[in-house]
Amino acid sequence: MLVIENLSKAYKNIRALERVAIALLAKTENTGLVMTNIIALSTAVACGLWIPFEQLPEYLQTIGVLLPQYWAHQGLVNTVSTLPGGEDIISVTLILLGYTVLGFIVSLGGYNKYINMARS
């Protein structure tokens, strides 16, 4: 149960950093809301969260593997799976941590831009 909670927290951190970056880069509140919805919905489709991943076209499977939603989903599936090898979530955790660091860096870049804009 602790593993599921940690994966959930890591995914929430990634999503929070994404929202911070969008909030800092968007000019208005409505623009930020639209950007968030477009990103969340389109990546959810590409990651196989609504349709089984194996039924997606090859190009969407290639894109989906590169997104954090796919890895969060795989981590949860591996954790609750009764199949052999379902306990191996170290790679999933490392990938999600990498996305967290990347989101933090993007947020810092947007924050610096926001501070410079606010000062002028």
C-alpha atoms as a PDB file:
ATOM      1  CA  MET A   1       0.000   0.000   0.000  1.00  0.00           C
ATOM      2  CA  LEU A   2       2.903   2.326   0.742  1.00  0.00           C
ATOM      3  CA  VAL A   3       4.244   1.857  -2.786  1.00  0.00           C
ATOM      4  CA  ILE A   4       0.919   2.896  -4.320  1.00  0.00           C
ATOM      5  CA  GLU A   5       0.824   5.991  -2.114  1.00  0.00           C
ATOM      6  CA  ASN A   6       4.374   6.955  -3.129  1.00  0.00           C
ATOM      7  CA  LEU A   7       3.636   6.488  -6.833  1.00  0.00           C
ATOM      8  CA  SER A   8       0.497   8.550  -6.442  1.00  0.00           C
ATOM      9  CA  LYS A   9       2.424  11.334  -4.701  1.00  0.00           C
ATOM     10  CA  ALA A  10       5.137  11.323  -7.389  1.00  0.00           C
ATOM     11  CA  TYR A  11       2.532  11.611 -10.135  1.00  0.00           C
ATOM     12  CA  LYS A  12       0.740  14.424  -8.283  1.00  0.00           C
ATOM     13  CA  ASN A  13       4.054  16.277  -7.967  1.00  0.00           C
ATOM     14  CA  ILE A  14       4.629  15.984 -11.714  1.00  0.00           C
ATOM     15  CA  ARG A  15       1.161  17.314 -12.456  1.00  0.00           C
ATOM     16  CA  ALA A  16       1.598  20.161  -9.955  1.00  0.00           C
ATOM     17  CA  LEU A  17       4.887  21.211 -11.537  1.00  0.00           C
ATOM     18  CA  GLU A  18       3.255  21.100 -14.963  1.00  0.00           C
ATOM     19  CA  ARG A  19       0.471  23.363 -13.722  1.00  0.00           C
ATOM     20  CA  VAL A  20       2.945  25.805 -12.189  1.00  0.00           C
ATOM     21  CA  ALA A  21       4.853  25.997 -15.472  1.00  0.00           C
ATOM     22  CA  ILE A  22       1.625  26.598 -17.413  1.00  0.00           C
ATOM     23  CA  ALA A  23       0.461  29.221 -14.931  1.00  0.00           C
ATOM     24  CA  LEU A  24       3.723  31.095 -15.266  1.00  0.00           C
ATOM     25  CA  LEU A  25       3.794  30.901 -19.057  1.00  0.00           C
ATOM     26  CA  ALA A  26       0.116  31.683 -19.745  1.00  0.00           C
ATOM     27  CA  LYS A  27      -0.907  35.295 -20.242  1.00  0.00           C
ATOM     28  CA  THR A  28      -4.438  34.953 -18.823  1.00  0.00           C
ATOM     29  CA  GLU A  29      -6.292  32.538 -16.559  1.00  0.00           C
ATOM     30  CA  ASN A  30      -8.437  31.229 -19.411  1.00  0.00           C
ATOM     31  CA  THR A  31      -5.364  30.513 -21.511  1.00  0.00           C
ATOM     32  CA  GLY A  32      -3.893  28.510 -18.639  1.00  0.00           C
ATOM     33  CA  LEU A  33      -7.087  26.493 -18.215  1.00  0.00           C
ATOM     34  CA  VAL A  34      -7.261  25.691 -21.919  1.00  0.00           C
ATOM     35  CA  MET A  35      -3.582  24.710 -22.061  1.00  0.00           C
ATOM     36  CA  THR A  36      -3.956  22.425 -19.040  1.00  0.00           C
ATOM     37  CA  ASN A  37      -7.005  20.661 -20.476  1.00  0.00           C
ATOM     38  CA  ILE A  38      -5.455  20.186 -23.904  1.00  0.00           C
ATOM     39  CA  ILE A  39      -2.285  18.720 -22.426  1.00  0.00           C
ATOM     40  CA  ALA A  40      -4.059  16.484 -19.907  1.00  0.00           C
ATOM     41  CA  LEU A  41      -6.651  15.073 -22.304  1.00  0.00           C
ATOM     42  CA  SER A  42      -4.376  14.534 -25.270  1.00  0.00           C
ATOM     43  CA  THR A  43      -1.651  12.850 -23.222  1.00  0.00           C
ATOM     44  CA  ALA A  44      -4.200  10.642 -21.462  1.00  0.00           C
ATOM     45  CA  VAL A  45      -5.328   9.313 -24.840  1.00  0.00           C
ATOM     46  CA  ALA A  46      -1.743   8.800 -26.034  1.00  0.00           C
ATOM     47  CA  CYS A  47      -0.822   6.926 -22.842  1.00  0.00           C
ATOM     48  CA  GLY A  48      -3.617   4.403 -23.110  1.00  0.00           C
ATOM     49  CA  LEU A  49      -5.556   5.568 -20.077  1.00  0.00           C
ATOM     50  CA  TRP A  50      -8.871   5.516 -21.930  1.00  0.00           C
ATOM     51  CA  ILE A  51      -8.159   2.867 -24.555  1.00  0.00           C
ATOM     52  CA  PRO A  52      -6.038  -0.253 -24.005  1.00  0.00           C
ATOM     53  CA  PHE A  53      -2.474   0.683 -24.902  1.00  0.00           C
ATOM     54  CA  GLU A  54      -2.050  -2.311 -27.229  1.00  0.00           C
ATOM     55  CA  GLN A  55      -4.982  -1.116 -29.386  1.00  0.00           C
ATOM     56  CA  LEU A  56      -3.450   2.294 -30.043  1.00  0.00           C
ATOM     57  CA  PRO A  57      -1.677   2.954 -33.356  1.00  0.00           C
ATOM     58  CA  GLU A  58       2.079   2.407 -33.351  1.00  0.00           C
ATOM     59  CA  TYR A  59       2.917   6.114 -33.443  1.00  0.00           C
ATOM     60  CA  LEU A  60       0.721   6.818 -30.384  1.00  0.00           C
ATOM     61  CA  GLN A  61       2.345   3.941 -28.510  1.00  0.00           C
ATOM     62  CA  THR A  62       5.748   5.460 -29.255  1.00  0.00           C
ATOM     63  CA  ILE A  63       4.622   8.869 -27.995  1.00  0.00           C
ATOM     64  CA  GLY A  64       2.748   7.394 -25.015  1.00  0.00           C
ATOM     65  CA  VAL A  65       5.821   5.645 -23.614  1.00  0.00           C
ATOM     66  CA  LEU A  66       7.549   9.021 -23.390  1.00  0.00           C
ATOM     67  CA  LEU A  67       4.878  10.609 -21.171  1.00  0.00           C
ATOM     68  CA  PRO A  68       4.620  10.500 -17.354  1.00  0.00           C
ATOM     69  CA  GLN A  69       0.998   9.302 -17.318  1.00  0.00           C
ATOM     70  CA  TYR A  70       2.040   6.060 -18.978  1.00  0.00           C
ATOM     71  CA  TRP A  71       4.693   5.415 -16.333  1.00  0.00           C
ATOM     72  CA  ALA A  72       2.396   6.292 -13.447  1.00  0.00           C
ATOM     73  CA  HIS A  73      -0.168   3.873 -14.870  1.00  0.00           C
ATOM     74  CA  GLN A  74       2.454   1.151 -15.342  1.00  0.00           C
ATOM     75  CA  GLY A  75       3.674   1.626 -11.785  1.00  0.00           C
ATOM     76  CA  LEU A  76       0.171   1.203 -10.403  1.00  0.00           C
ATOM     77  CA  VAL A  77      -0.526  -1.806 -12.619  1.00  0.00           C
ATOM     78  CA  ASN A  78       2.783  -3.432 -11.614  1.00  0.00           C
ATOM     79  CA  THR A  79       2.095  -2.812  -7.947  1.00  0.00           C
ATOM     80  CA  VAL A  80      -1.348  -4.377  -7.859  1.00  0.00           C
ATOM     81  CA  SER A  81      -0.639  -7.069 -10.448  1.00  0.00           C
ATOM     82  CA  THR A  82      -0.514 -10.689  -9.369  1.00  0.00           C
ATOM     83  CA  LEU A  83       1.557 -11.630 -12.402  1.00  0.00           C
ATOM     84  CA  PRO A  84       5.224 -12.589 -11.965  1.00  0.00           C
ATOM     85  CA  GLY A  85       7.492  -9.560 -12.138  1.00  0.00           C
ATOM     86  CA  GLY A  86       4.730  -7.226 -11.012  1.00  0.00           C
ATOM     87  CA  GLU A  87       6.807  -6.060  -8.088  1.00  0.00           C
ATOM     88  CA  ASP A  88       9.507  -4.391 -10.203  1.00  0.00           C
ATOM     89  CA  ILE A  89       8.691  -0.699  -9.923  1.00  0.00           C
ATOM     90  CA  ILE A  90      12.154   0.742  -9.393  1.00  0.00           C
ATOM     91  CA  SER A  91      12.507   1.758 -13.054  1.00  0.00           C
ATOM     92  CA  VAL A  92       9.047   3.336 -13.033  1.00  0.00           C
ATOM     93  CA  THR A  93       9.884   5.293  -9.888  1.00  0.00           C
ATOM     94  CA  LEU A  94      13.165   6.543 -11.368  1.00  0.00           C
ATOM     95  CA  ILE A  95      11.428   7.666 -14.567  1.00  0.00           C
ATOM     96  CA  LEU A  96       8.765   9.524 -12.583  1.00  0.00           C
ATOM     97  CA  LEU A  97      11.475  11.200 -10.501  1.00  0.00           C
ATOM     98  CA  GLY A  98      13.169  12.260 -13.736  1.00  0.00           C
ATOM     99  CA  TYR A  99       9.935  13.856 -14.928  1.00  0.00           C
ATOM    100  CA  THR A 100       9.634  15.618 -11.567  1.00  0.00           C
ATOM    101  CA  VAL A 101      13.108  17.128 -11.971  1.00  0.00           C
ATOM    102  CA  LEU A 102      12.349  18.140 -15.562  1.00  0.00           C
ATOM    103  CA  GLY A 103       9.086  19.797 -14.499  1.00  0.00           C
ATOM    104  CA  PHE A 104      10.905  21.636 -11.722  1.00  0.00           C
ATOM    105  CA  ILE A 105      13.486  22.984 -14.173  1.00  0.00           C
ATOM    106  CA  VAL A 106      10.771  24.147 -16.604  1.00  0.00           C
ATOM    107  CA  SER A 107       8.924  25.809 -13.713  1.00  0.00           C
ATOM    108  CA  LEU A 108      12.075  27.634 -12.630  1.00  0.00           C
ATOM    109  CA  GLY A 109      12.568  28.946 -16.152  1.00  0.00           C
ATOM    110  CA  GLY A 110       8.988  30.187 -16.273  1.00  0.00           C
ATOM    111  CA  TYR A 111       9.300  31.708 -12.809  1.00  0.00           C
ATOM    112  CA  ASN A 112      12.364  33.718 -13.801  1.00  0.00           C
ATOM    113  CA  LYS A 113      10.510  34.969 -16.884  1.00  0.00           C
ATOM    114  CA  TYR A 114       7.526  35.902 -14.708  1.00  0.00           C
ATOM    115  CA  ILE A 115       9.700  37.811 -12.202  1.00  0.00           C
ATOM    116  CA  ASN A 116      11.422  39.750 -14.996  1.00  0.00           C
ATOM    117  CA  MET A 117       8.035  40.606 -16.535  1.00  0.00           C
ATOM    118  CA  ALA A 118       6.629  41.706 -13.158  1.00  0.00           C
ATOM    119  CA  ARG A 119       9.599  44.005 -12.490  1.00  0.00           C
ATOM    120  CA  SER A 120       9.221  45.858 -15.762  1.00  0.00           C
END
